[in-house]
Amino acid sequence: MALSPVNVSQTSGFRLNYSAEQAARRDLPPGFLEFLLPLHQRFTPRQQELIEKRYRVLAESHAGKRPRHLPPSPATEREWRIELPEWCADQRNQMTGPADDAELVVKMLNSGAPGVMLDLEDSTVNEWEHQRLGAENIVQALHGTLTYFDKKRKQMTGIKPSKTVIWVRPRGLHMSQRGLFGDEPASASLFDVARVFYAMDPAQLRHPLCVYIPKSESAEEALWWRDLFQALAEIRGLPRDYIKCMALVESHPLAFQMEEFLFNLREHIVGLNLGRWDYMASLIHFNLCDAEWVLPDRNTISHDVPFFQRVRELLPEICHRRGALAIGGMTALYPSREDSELNARALAALEKDKKNEAGCLMDGAWTGHPDQNQIAVDQFPGPNQINKLPSRDLGREELERAGMLRNGQFNRYADLRAVPRGVGCRTLAGTRAAVRTVIRYRNGVLNGKGASLLDGYMEDLATDRIYRLMIAQRMRHSEAMDILDDNGNPVVHTPELISRLFDEELQKIVANPARADIGTPETLREARCIAEAMILNGEFNPA
């Protein structure tokens, strides 16, 4: 089926989540907007200020002032520790998935995983109806009342009693929600947390409300979350430290402020998680102007590449010194019950990856499929490794290898920007794969899926962002960094070439859609427009 040319210049990329105010009044619990208004007036202006600071830090990085560690402070020099509650001491695997899918939520909670993270962010479409359904599912899951109809068994299935810790991931501070108070945007983070908090009954919970903080970019932002948690607790007469949290290290700047972030949230936080895919995207974003940071094809980057591995080793050291858990990331290759070869390869990759994380003294990791749970759990000593710290008895060669000996001087921190030399390969085929994936992923979003299983890999907003940034950096630097075709010849990545690749890959998908490609040729065409526009418009925030 031939499709007419696309005028991408007339296309807008990301669209803000919007609800007509009458829909908000209809869909939200009675009295919630009145509950939210004073919180909105207090916290949304601060959120907007933090967003502006993010833009400044990014601009400074592009101008050559890259993120770095903060000066010594009470957070790094004083003796202080986090009190880890017994009910979350074992988090060797945290299963994650979109909150708007009731069947998946119930199956995750019945999987036996020590923790389950119900997601309103990367794997849930940022659209009113999906967010509404996700929040309602979360509240029912917290109360243990969520059910779904099992079509195979022809019966309703609910959540079995267990010690599983339920985590709630709201949308990040960079996101806003319109339609609540006229045209005035509200913080999406505030809206999501307040929505769940307002509807939950603490008496029905097995443990306090647990929030998974996403997309933070500075230790200062931890203070916003601290103040929100304490304001909510005060309203309901709960202890000020009632709400507990973990936080994802998903941005390059935050990797330099992890200890300060923990310190600012020490009454609430129980651990940090290295969100590797968003971290990779952020690493590209903050180094977008540097030709040395043109990354190889994504699936040729090893799991232990130095720019990952050094953060992976630093995070547990900081967490364990302060009594907090250190959680590893998600393995993208997904098991399959229909493809035995892919299944074996995916589970072997999972075991290797989690064994590496356990060797770095992580206390657990993330997975997204019940078949991954036991393999992940088995790689980590139980219940955790908090009492272990890495050896500091390193020789000169080991210090140099770790990036801790620079210009002959010892540095407490490893070099977190180890340039990816000799890693993977940069190919035109890799660019095509990126183009194809962003079209298919965005098509899934247009059809209500925030995460899609594509060619054996679970692709969500984080991996979509990686591919968009990889395409952008190849356009910017392909004359300085060779990207090779099948014959080994360098190919300059002009906007015209990228547009042609989008045309060609769209035609292939429409002519021969894979099983995962839901929707219609029209939604695929719209997806192609949005994905390319986001790249050309420089829209690289996770949205």
Protein backbone atom coordinates (compact mmCIF):
# COMPACT_ATOMS: atom_id res chain seq x y z
CA MET A 1 0.00 0.00 0.00
CA ALA A 2 1.57 3.30 -1.11
CA LEU A 3 1.29 6.25 1.22
CA SER A 4 1.40 9.89 0.22
CA PRO A 5 4.42 11.99 1.25
CA VAL A 6 4.41 13.41 4.76
CA ASN A 7 4.92 17.10 5.51
CA VAL A 8 6.70 16.67 8.82
CA SER A 9 7.28 20.43 9.15
CA GLN A 10 3.54 20.83 9.75
CA THR A 11 3.47 18.10 12.38
CA SER A 12 3.64 18.63 16.12
CA GLY A 13 5.37 15.99 18.16
CA PHE A 14 4.49 15.49 21.84
CA ARG A 15 0.96 16.38 22.91
CA LEU A 16 0.24 17.38 26.51
CA ASN A 17 -2.17 15.20 28.48
CA TYR A 18 -5.41 17.15 28.62
CA SER A 19 -8.83 16.56 30.08
CA ALA A 20 -11.81 18.84 29.77
CA GLU A 21 -12.64 20.13 33.26
CA GLN A 22 -16.08 18.56 33.14
CA ALA A 23 -14.45 15.17 32.42
CA ALA A 24 -12.14 15.67 35.38
CA ARG A 25 -15.12 16.46 37.61
CA ARG A 26 -16.89 13.35 36.30
CA ASP A 27 -13.95 10.94 36.58
CA LEU A 28 -12.29 12.02 39.81
CA PRO A 29 -13.48 11.17 43.34
CA PRO A 30 -15.89 13.72 44.86
CA GLY A 31 -14.00 16.46 46.64
CA PHE A 32 -10.63 15.57 45.11
CA LEU A 33 -10.13 18.79 43.12
CA GLU A 34 -10.87 20.82 46.26
CA PHE A 35 -8.30 18.67 48.09
CA LEU A 36 -5.78 19.16 45.27
CA LEU A 37 -6.15 22.92 44.76
CA PRO A 38 -4.09 24.19 47.76
CA LEU A 39 -1.45 21.55 47.04
CA HIS A 40 -1.36 22.69 43.42
CA GLN A 41 -0.96 26.31 44.48
CA ARG A 42 1.95 25.33 46.72
CA PHE A 43 3.81 22.74 44.65
CA THR A 44 3.21 23.47 40.96
CA PRO A 45 5.12 26.81 40.98
CA ARG A 46 8.08 25.00 42.55
CA GLN A 47 7.80 22.27 39.93
CA GLN A 48 7.91 24.89 37.16
CA GLU A 49 11.02 26.48 38.71
CA LEU A 50 12.74 23.08 38.82
CA ILE A 51 11.91 22.51 35.16
CA GLU A 52 13.53 25.84 34.27
CA LYS A 53 16.66 24.84 36.21
CA ARG A 54 16.79 21.60 34.24
CA TYR A 55 16.81 23.54 30.98
CA ARG A 56 19.67 25.69 32.23
CA VAL A 57 21.76 22.69 33.31
CA LEU A 58 21.22 21.02 29.94
CA ALA A 59 22.19 24.21 28.07
CA GLU A 60 25.31 24.51 30.21
CA SER A 61 26.26 20.93 29.38
CA HIS A 62 25.86 21.60 25.66
CA ALA A 63 28.08 24.67 26.13
CA GLY A 64 30.82 22.53 27.70
CA LYS A 65 30.02 22.73 31.43
CA ARG A 66 29.20 19.07 31.98
CA PRO A 67 27.54 17.64 35.13
CA ARG A 68 29.97 17.03 37.99
CA HIS A 69 29.98 16.11 41.67
CA LEU A 70 28.90 18.73 44.19
CA PRO A 71 31.29 20.22 46.78
CA PRO A 72 31.56 18.40 50.15
CA SER A 73 28.48 18.93 52.34
CA PRO A 74 26.75 17.43 55.39
CA ALA A 75 25.25 14.88 53.01
CA THR A 76 28.68 13.49 52.11
CA GLU A 77 30.69 14.26 55.27
CA ARG A 78 28.37 13.60 58.21
CA GLU A 79 27.49 10.22 59.68
CA TRP A 80 23.84 9.44 58.96
CA ARG A 81 21.88 6.34 58.03
CA ILE A 82 18.51 5.36 56.65
CA GLU A 83 16.31 3.04 58.69
CA LEU A 84 15.18 0.27 56.35
CA PRO A 85 11.75 -1.16 57.33
CA GLU A 86 11.66 -4.94 57.68
CA TRP A 87 8.74 -5.26 55.24
CA CYS A 88 10.89 -4.06 52.33
CA ALA A 89 14.24 -5.60 53.30
CA ASP A 90 13.93 -8.18 50.49
CA GLN A 91 13.50 -6.57 47.08
CA ARG A 92 15.58 -9.01 45.03
CA ASN A 93 13.15 -8.60 42.16
CA GLN A 94 10.70 -5.82 41.47
CA MET A 95 8.33 -6.71 38.65
CA THR A 96 7.11 -3.72 36.69
CA GLY A 97 4.29 -3.02 34.27
CA PRO A 98 1.60 -0.55 33.18
CA ALA A 99 -1.03 0.21 35.80
CA ASP A 100 -3.86 0.53 33.28
CA ASP A 101 -3.87 -3.23 32.54
CA ALA A 102 -5.79 -4.91 35.38
CA GLU A 103 -4.99 -8.44 34.22
CA LEU A 104 -1.26 -7.73 34.15
CA VAL A 105 -1.38 -5.99 37.54
CA VAL A 106 -3.07 -9.01 39.16
CA LYS A 107 -0.67 -11.45 37.49
CA MET A 108 2.36 -9.46 38.64
CA LEU A 109 1.05 -9.34 42.20
CA ASN A 110 0.44 -13.11 42.11
CA SER A 111 3.87 -13.87 40.63
CA GLY A 112 5.71 -14.22 43.93
CA ALA A 113 7.97 -11.25 43.18
CA PRO A 114 9.16 -9.49 46.36
CA GLY A 115 8.12 -6.15 44.87
CA VAL A 116 5.77 -4.97 42.13
CA MET A 117 5.93 -1.50 40.61
CA LEU A 118 2.64 -0.26 39.13
CA ASP A 119 3.49 2.29 36.49
CA LEU A 120 1.71 5.49 35.48
CA GLU A 121 4.78 6.67 33.60
CA ASP A 122 6.98 5.10 30.88
CA SER A 123 4.83 2.05 30.15
CA THR A 124 1.40 3.73 30.45
CA VAL A 125 0.15 6.04 27.72
CA ASN A 126 0.10 9.66 28.87
CA GLU A 127 -3.55 10.16 28.01
CA TRP A 128 -6.44 10.95 30.36
CA GLU A 129 -8.38 7.69 30.07
CA HIS A 130 -5.31 5.47 30.54
CA GLN A 131 -4.10 7.52 33.49
CA ARG A 132 -7.59 7.46 35.05
CA LEU A 133 -7.82 3.69 34.72
CA GLY A 134 -4.27 3.21 35.98
CA ALA A 135 -4.93 5.24 39.14
CA GLU A 136 -8.15 3.33 39.84
CA ASN A 137 -6.38 -0.01 39.38
CA ILE A 138 -3.62 1.09 41.75
CA VAL A 139 -6.04 2.02 44.51
CA GLN A 140 -7.86 -1.32 44.18
CA ALA A 141 -4.54 -3.18 44.11
CA LEU A 142 -3.41 -1.41 47.28
CA HIS A 143 -6.66 -2.49 48.93
CA GLY A 144 -6.32 -6.04 47.56
CA THR A 145 -9.66 -5.87 45.72
CA LEU A 146 -8.58 -5.66 42.04
CA THR A 147 -9.87 -8.46 39.78
CA TYR A 148 -9.98 -9.36 36.09
CA PHE A 149 -11.95 -11.89 34.05
CA ASP A 150 -9.78 -14.87 33.11
CA LYS A 151 -11.02 -15.83 29.64
CA LYS A 152 -9.29 -19.22 29.66
CA ARG A 153 -10.75 -20.31 33.00
CA LYS A 154 -13.94 -18.28 32.51
CA GLN A 155 -13.82 -16.86 36.01
CA MET A 156 -12.93 -13.72 37.92
CA THR A 157 -9.40 -13.76 39.33
CA GLY A 158 -8.16 -11.57 42.14
CA ILE A 159 -5.03 -10.83 44.13
CA LYS A 160 -3.73 -13.56 46.42
CA PRO A 161 -2.50 -12.59 49.90
CA SER A 162 1.28 -12.12 49.94
CA LYS A 163 4.08 -10.01 51.37
CA THR A 164 4.73 -8.36 48.00
CA VAL A 165 5.52 -4.65 48.35
CA ILE A 166 3.47 -2.52 45.97
CA TRP A 167 5.27 0.50 44.52
CA VAL A 168 3.50 3.29 42.62
CA ARG A 169 5.38 5.19 39.92
CA PRO A 170 3.79 8.57 39.11
CA ARG A 171 4.71 10.69 36.13
CA GLY A 172 7.92 12.70 36.47
CA LEU A 173 8.44 16.32 37.50
CA HIS A 174 8.98 17.35 33.88
CA MET A 175 5.34 16.54 33.03
CA SER A 176 2.20 18.61 33.49
CA GLN A 177 -1.52 17.85 33.46
CA ARG A 178 -4.03 20.27 31.96
CA GLY A 179 -7.79 20.42 32.32
CA LEU A 180 -7.99 20.41 36.12
CA PHE A 181 -7.99 24.15 36.82
CA GLY A 182 -8.93 25.80 33.54
CA ASP A 183 -5.93 26.27 31.25
CA GLU A 184 -3.47 26.38 34.12
CA PRO A 185 -1.16 23.33 34.04
CA ALA A 186 -0.71 21.29 37.21
CA SER A 187 2.24 19.12 38.13
CA ALA A 188 1.53 15.59 36.86
CA SER A 189 3.66 14.17 39.71
CA LEU A 190 1.53 16.01 42.27
CA PHE A 191 -1.71 14.98 40.59
CA ASP A 192 -0.77 11.27 40.41
CA VAL A 193 0.48 10.93 44.00
CA ALA A 194 -2.36 13.00 45.45
CA ARG A 195 -4.95 11.04 43.43
CA VAL A 196 -3.81 7.71 44.88
CA PHE A 197 -3.26 9.11 48.39
CA TYR A 198 -6.73 10.71 48.49
CA ALA A 199 -8.53 7.49 47.54
CA MET A 200 -6.55 4.98 49.58
CA ASP A 201 -7.51 3.76 53.05
CA PRO A 202 -4.37 3.33 55.20
CA ALA A 203 -6.21 0.76 57.33
CA GLN A 204 -6.50 -1.57 54.32
CA LEU A 205 -2.82 -1.38 53.30
CA ARG A 206 -0.29 -4.07 54.21
CA HIS A 207 2.40 -1.41 54.35
CA PRO A 208 2.60 2.38 53.95
CA LEU A 209 2.14 3.97 50.55
CA CYS A 210 5.34 3.46 48.53
CA VAL A 211 6.22 5.80 45.67
CA TYR A 212 8.82 5.18 42.97
CA ILE A 213 10.20 8.62 42.03
CA PRO A 214 11.14 8.85 38.33
CA LYS A 215 13.26 11.13 36.16
CA SER A 216 14.90 13.26 38.86
CA GLU A 217 17.80 15.45 37.76
CA SER A 218 19.12 16.99 40.98
CA ALA A 219 19.30 16.52 44.74
CA GLU A 220 17.29 19.73 45.09
CA GLU A 221 14.31 17.99 43.52
CA ALA A 222 14.30 15.51 46.41
CA LEU A 223 13.21 18.37 48.65
CA TRP A 224 10.09 18.87 46.50
CA TRP A 225 9.14 15.23 46.99
CA ARG A 226 9.96 15.35 50.72
CA ASP A 227 7.75 18.36 51.26
CA LEU A 228 4.91 16.80 49.23
CA PHE A 229 5.03 13.54 51.19
CA GLN A 230 5.00 15.38 54.49
CA ALA A 231 2.21 17.75 53.44
CA LEU A 232 0.01 14.82 52.43
CA ALA A 233 0.71 12.97 55.68
CA GLU A 234 -0.10 16.06 57.72
CA ILE A 235 -3.48 16.49 55.98
CA ARG A 236 -4.54 12.97 57.01
CA GLY A 237 -2.95 13.04 60.47
CA LEU A 238 -0.38 10.37 59.59
CA PRO A 239 3.25 10.31 60.78
CA ARG A 240 5.35 12.74 58.73
CA ASP A 241 7.51 9.88 57.44
CA TYR A 242 4.49 7.71 56.54
CA ILE A 243 5.04 7.72 52.76
CA LYS A 244 8.09 5.69 51.74
CA CYS A 245 9.83 5.83 48.42
CA MET A 246 12.54 4.62 46.12
CA ALA A 247 14.02 6.78 43.38
CA LEU A 248 15.32 6.02 39.94
CA VAL A 249 18.70 7.32 38.85
CA GLU A 250 17.71 7.92 35.24
CA SER A 251 19.52 11.14 34.42
CA HIS A 252 23.21 11.85 33.95
CA PRO A 253 23.27 14.83 36.36
CA LEU A 254 21.71 12.80 39.20
CA ALA A 255 24.50 10.21 38.98
CA PHE A 256 26.74 12.92 40.45
CA GLN A 257 24.30 13.78 43.29
CA MET A 258 23.05 10.42 44.55
CA GLU A 259 24.28 10.79 48.12
CA GLU A 260 22.82 14.29 48.42
CA PHE A 261 19.51 13.05 46.99
CA LEU A 262 19.34 10.28 49.60
CA PHE A 263 20.19 12.76 52.35
CA ASN A 264 17.40 15.16 51.38
CA LEU A 265 14.82 12.33 51.45
CA ARG A 266 16.32 10.30 54.30
CA GLU A 267 13.08 10.20 56.32
CA HIS A 268 11.26 8.54 53.40
CA ILE A 269 13.63 6.89 50.97
CA VAL A 270 14.68 3.24 51.21
CA GLY A 271 16.74 2.84 48.05
CA LEU A 272 17.90 3.92 44.61
CA ASN A 273 17.43 2.16 41.29
CA LEU A 274 19.69 2.52 38.25
CA GLY A 275 17.20 3.04 35.42
CA ARG A 276 19.66 2.11 32.73
CA TRP A 277 17.67 2.86 29.57
CA ASP A 278 16.61 6.36 30.57
CA TYR A 279 20.13 6.87 31.91
CA MET A 280 21.55 6.01 28.49
CA ALA A 281 19.13 8.44 26.85
CA SER A 282 20.09 11.17 29.31
CA LEU A 283 23.78 10.48 28.75
CA ILE A 284 23.29 11.05 25.01
CA HIS A 285 21.16 14.14 25.65
CA PHE A 286 23.70 15.85 27.91
CA ASN A 287 26.55 14.99 25.53
CA LEU A 288 24.63 15.65 22.33
CA CYS A 289 27.12 18.27 21.12
CA ASP A 290 30.13 15.95 21.52
CA ALA A 291 30.98 13.79 18.48
CA GLU A 292 32.84 11.31 20.70
CA TRP A 293 29.50 10.40 22.27
CA VAL A 294 27.86 9.10 19.11
CA LEU A 295 26.79 5.76 20.56
CA PRO A 296 26.94 2.45 18.68
CA ASP A 297 23.82 0.61 17.56
CA ARG A 298 21.88 0.06 20.76
CA ASN A 299 21.85 -3.73 20.74
CA THR A 300 25.63 -3.91 20.22
CA ILE A 301 26.34 -2.09 23.50
CA SER A 302 27.36 -4.62 26.16
CA HIS A 303 25.66 -4.58 29.55
CA ASP A 304 28.99 -3.92 31.28
CA VAL A 305 30.16 -0.99 29.13
CA PRO A 306 32.19 1.38 31.38
CA PHE A 307 29.76 4.33 31.30
CA PHE A 308 27.11 1.96 32.73
CA GLN A 309 29.32 -0.20 34.88
CA ARG A 310 30.88 2.64 36.84
CA VAL A 311 27.50 4.06 37.85
CA ARG A 312 26.39 0.50 38.57
CA GLU A 313 29.30 0.13 41.01
CA LEU A 314 29.03 3.59 42.57
CA LEU A 315 25.30 3.39 43.33
CA PRO A 316 25.52 0.38 45.72
CA GLU A 317 28.55 1.86 47.44
CA ILE A 318 26.67 5.07 48.25
CA CYS A 319 23.41 3.31 49.13
CA HIS A 320 24.98 0.69 51.40
CA ARG A 321 27.11 3.21 53.25
CA ARG A 322 23.84 4.94 54.16
CA GLY A 323 21.71 1.84 54.82
CA ALA A 324 19.62 1.98 51.62
CA LEU A 325 18.87 -0.64 48.98
CA ALA A 326 20.50 -0.55 45.55
CA ILE A 327 18.35 -1.91 42.73
CA GLY A 328 19.49 -2.74 39.20
CA GLY A 329 17.71 -2.11 35.94
CA MET A 330 15.59 -3.88 33.37
CA THR A 331 16.91 -6.39 30.84
CA ALA A 332 15.28 -5.44 27.55
CA LEU A 333 15.36 -8.87 25.83
CA TYR A 334 12.06 -10.48 26.74
CA PRO A 335 11.18 -14.18 27.19
CA SER A 336 8.70 -15.84 24.84
CA ARG A 337 6.47 -18.85 25.48
CA GLU A 338 5.99 -19.27 21.72
CA ASP A 339 9.64 -19.04 20.56
CA SER A 340 11.86 -21.50 22.45
CA GLU A 341 15.11 -20.21 20.95
CA LEU A 342 14.30 -16.60 21.84
CA ASN A 343 13.11 -17.68 25.28
CA ALA A 344 16.37 -19.50 26.05
CA ARG A 345 18.43 -16.56 24.80
CA ALA A 346 16.40 -14.04 26.81
CA LEU A 347 16.58 -15.99 30.07
CA ALA A 348 20.32 -16.62 29.63
CA ALA A 349 20.88 -12.89 29.05
CA LEU A 350 18.78 -12.13 32.14
CA GLU A 351 20.81 -14.49 34.32
CA LYS A 352 24.12 -13.04 33.11
CA ASP A 353 22.95 -9.47 33.56
CA LYS A 354 21.55 -9.99 37.07
CA LYS A 355 24.64 -11.93 38.13
CA ASN A 356 26.70 -8.92 37.06
CA GLU A 357 24.48 -6.62 39.12
CA ALA A 358 24.74 -8.89 42.16
CA GLY A 359 28.53 -8.85 41.73
CA CYS A 360 28.36 -5.05 41.84
CA LEU A 361 26.59 -5.50 45.21
CA MET A 362 23.12 -4.57 43.96
CA ASP A 363 20.33 -5.89 46.18
CA GLY A 364 17.86 -6.70 43.42
CA ALA A 365 16.69 -5.78 39.95
CA TRP A 366 13.70 -5.15 37.74
CA THR A 367 11.90 -7.59 35.46
CA GLY A 368 8.70 -7.39 33.45
CA HIS A 369 7.59 -11.00 33.00
CA PRO A 370 6.63 -13.69 35.56
CA ASP A 371 9.02 -16.20 33.93
CA GLN A 372 11.92 -13.91 34.86
CA ASN A 373 11.11 -13.66 38.56
CA GLN A 374 12.81 -16.72 40.02
CA ILE A 375 15.91 -16.40 37.83
CA ALA A 376 16.33 -12.79 38.95
CA VAL A 377 15.75 -13.59 42.63
CA ASP A 378 18.24 -16.46 42.53
CA GLN A 379 21.12 -14.22 41.41
CA PHE A 380 21.03 -12.06 44.56
CA PRO A 381 21.92 -13.11 48.11
CA GLY A 382 18.88 -12.78 50.35
CA PRO A 383 17.46 -10.68 51.71
CA ASN A 384 19.97 -8.02 50.57
CA GLN A 385 23.66 -7.05 50.53
CA ILE A 386 23.38 -3.81 52.49
CA ASN A 387 26.17 -4.81 54.85
CA LYS A 388 28.63 -5.19 51.97
CA LEU A 389 30.81 -2.41 50.59
CA PRO A 390 33.23 -2.66 47.64
CA SER A 391 36.89 -3.12 48.40
CA ARG A 392 38.95 0.06 48.31
CA ASP A 393 42.23 -1.89 48.30
CA LEU A 394 42.93 -1.30 44.62
CA GLY A 395 46.27 -1.21 42.82
CA ARG A 396 47.30 1.46 40.33
CA GLU A 397 46.13 -0.50 37.29
CA GLU A 398 42.73 -1.20 38.87
CA LEU A 399 42.34 2.46 39.83
CA GLU A 400 43.15 3.51 36.26
CA ARG A 401 40.74 0.94 34.86
CA ALA A 402 38.01 2.23 37.15
CA GLY A 403 38.71 5.82 36.11
CA MET A 404 39.66 6.76 39.67
CA LEU A 405 43.24 7.75 38.87
CA ARG A 406 43.24 10.81 36.66
CA ASN A 407 46.36 12.84 35.83
CA GLY A 408 48.19 10.77 38.42
CA GLN A 409 45.83 11.91 41.20
CA PHE A 410 43.41 9.68 43.14
CA ASN A 411 39.76 10.64 42.77
CA ARG A 412 37.08 9.30 45.10
CA TYR A 413 34.66 8.88 42.21
CA ALA A 414 35.18 6.93 39.02
CA ASP A 415 34.93 8.75 35.70
CA LEU A 416 31.22 8.52 34.91
CA ARG A 417 31.72 9.78 31.34
CA ALA A 418 33.99 7.07 29.99
CA VAL A 419 33.88 7.70 26.22
CA PRO A 420 32.53 4.61 24.40
CA ARG A 421 35.61 3.81 22.30
CA GLY A 422 35.91 0.30 20.93
CA VAL A 423 32.32 -0.49 21.88
CA GLY A 424 29.84 -2.04 19.47
CA CYS A 425 29.39 -0.81 15.89
CA ARG A 426 27.76 2.16 14.18
CA THR A 427 25.86 1.14 11.08
CA LEU A 428 23.23 2.36 8.67
CA ALA A 429 21.32 -0.83 9.52
CA GLY A 430 21.34 0.31 13.16
CA THR A 431 19.87 3.66 12.11
CA ARG A 432 17.18 1.84 10.12
CA ALA A 433 16.37 -0.31 13.15
CA ALA A 434 16.03 2.82 15.27
CA VAL A 435 13.70 4.45 12.72
CA ARG A 436 11.62 1.30 12.46
CA THR A 437 11.33 0.97 16.24
CA VAL A 438 10.26 4.57 16.91
CA ILE A 439 7.53 4.27 14.28
CA ARG A 440 6.25 1.00 15.73
CA TYR A 441 6.52 2.19 19.33
CA ARG A 442 4.66 5.45 18.66
CA ASN A 443 2.02 3.51 16.75
CA GLY A 444 1.51 1.43 19.88
CA VAL A 445 1.07 4.62 21.92
CA LEU A 446 -1.56 5.90 19.49
CA ASN A 447 -3.38 2.61 20.01
CA GLY A 448 -3.23 2.72 23.81
CA LYS A 449 -0.05 0.75 24.54
CA GLY A 450 2.70 2.46 26.51
CA ALA A 451 5.03 -0.53 26.11
CA SER A 452 5.28 -2.86 23.11
CA LEU A 453 7.12 -6.14 22.63
CA LEU A 454 8.96 -5.60 19.34
CA ASP A 455 11.31 -8.21 17.86
CA GLY A 456 11.94 -9.76 21.24
CA TYR A 457 12.66 -6.48 23.05
CA MET A 458 10.28 -4.70 25.38
CA GLU A 459 10.25 -1.14 24.10
CA ASP A 460 8.81 1.65 26.21
CA LEU A 461 9.19 5.41 26.43
CA ALA A 462 12.80 5.08 27.64
CA THR A 463 14.01 2.99 24.72
CA ASP A 464 12.01 5.10 22.25
CA ARG A 465 13.83 8.14 23.63
CA ILE A 466 17.21 6.40 23.18
CA TYR A 467 16.47 5.74 19.53
CA ARG A 468 15.25 9.28 18.85
CA LEU A 469 18.40 10.70 20.44
CA MET A 470 20.65 8.24 18.59
CA ILE A 471 19.16 9.32 15.27
CA ALA A 472 19.59 12.98 16.22
CA GLN A 473 23.24 12.60 17.24
CA ARG A 474 24.01 10.70 14.04
CA MET A 475 22.51 13.54 12.02
CA ARG A 476 24.59 16.04 13.96
CA HIS A 477 27.94 14.22 13.89
CA SER A 478 28.02 11.68 11.04
CA GLU A 479 30.74 13.63 9.20
CA ALA A 480 32.94 13.35 12.30
CA MET A 481 32.06 9.76 13.23
CA ASP A 482 31.75 7.09 10.54
CA ILE A 483 28.43 5.26 10.27
CA LEU A 484 28.85 2.41 7.80
CA ASP A 485 26.59 0.75 5.26
CA ASP A 486 26.60 -2.97 4.47
CA ASN A 487 29.67 -2.51 2.26
CA GLY A 488 31.64 -0.72 4.93
CA ASN A 489 31.26 2.70 3.35
CA PRO A 490 30.51 5.74 5.54
CA VAL A 491 27.06 7.28 5.11
CA VAL A 492 26.43 10.93 5.98
CA HIS A 493 23.18 11.15 7.95
CA THR A 494 21.45 14.20 6.52
CA PRO A 495 17.86 15.14 7.38
CA GLU A 496 16.98 14.08 3.84
CA LEU A 497 18.45 10.61 4.42
CA ILE A 498 16.58 10.22 7.69
CA SER A 499 13.33 11.28 6.07
CA ARG A 500 13.90 8.74 3.28
CA LEU A 501 14.56 6.02 5.88
CA PHE A 502 11.31 6.94 7.61
CA ASP A 503 9.48 6.66 4.27
CA GLU A 504 11.06 3.29 3.44
CA GLU A 505 10.58 1.73 6.86
CA LEU A 506 6.98 2.93 7.04
CA GLN A 507 6.25 1.33 3.66
CA LYS A 508 7.79 -1.98 4.83
CA ILE A 509 5.77 -2.02 8.06
CA VAL A 510 2.51 -1.23 6.28
CA ALA A 511 3.19 -3.83 3.60
CA ASN A 512 4.15 -6.55 6.08
CA PRO A 513 3.14 -5.65 9.64
CA ALA A 514 4.53 -7.78 12.45
CA ARG A 515 2.18 -9.39 14.92
CA ALA A 516 2.96 -6.70 17.48
CA ASP A 517 1.90 -3.90 15.14
CA ILE A 518 -1.66 -3.13 16.17
CA GLY A 519 -3.70 -0.36 14.63
CA THR A 520 -4.05 0.68 11.01
CA PRO A 521 -1.94 2.12 8.17
CA GLU A 522 -3.33 5.51 9.20
CA THR A 523 -2.08 5.25 12.79
CA LEU A 524 1.29 3.98 11.52
CA ARG A 525 1.51 6.99 9.23
CA GLU A 526 0.62 9.33 12.10
CA ALA A 527 3.18 7.58 14.29
CA ARG A 528 5.84 8.14 11.64
CA CYS A 529 4.94 11.85 11.50
CA ILE A 530 5.09 12.31 15.27
CA ALA A 531 8.34 10.35 15.72
CA GLU A 532 10.20 12.21 12.98
CA ALA A 533 8.82 15.57 14.11
CA MET A 534 10.03 14.94 17.67
CA ILE A 535 13.54 14.30 16.31
CA LEU A 536 13.59 17.31 13.99
CA ASN A 537 12.01 19.58 16.64
CA GLY A 538 14.56 18.50 19.25
CA GLU A 539 11.88 17.07 21.54
CA PHE A 540 13.96 14.70 23.64
CA ASN A 541 12.40 14.96 27.07
CA PRO A 542 10.81 11.65 28.13
CA ALA A 543 7.27 12.21 26.87
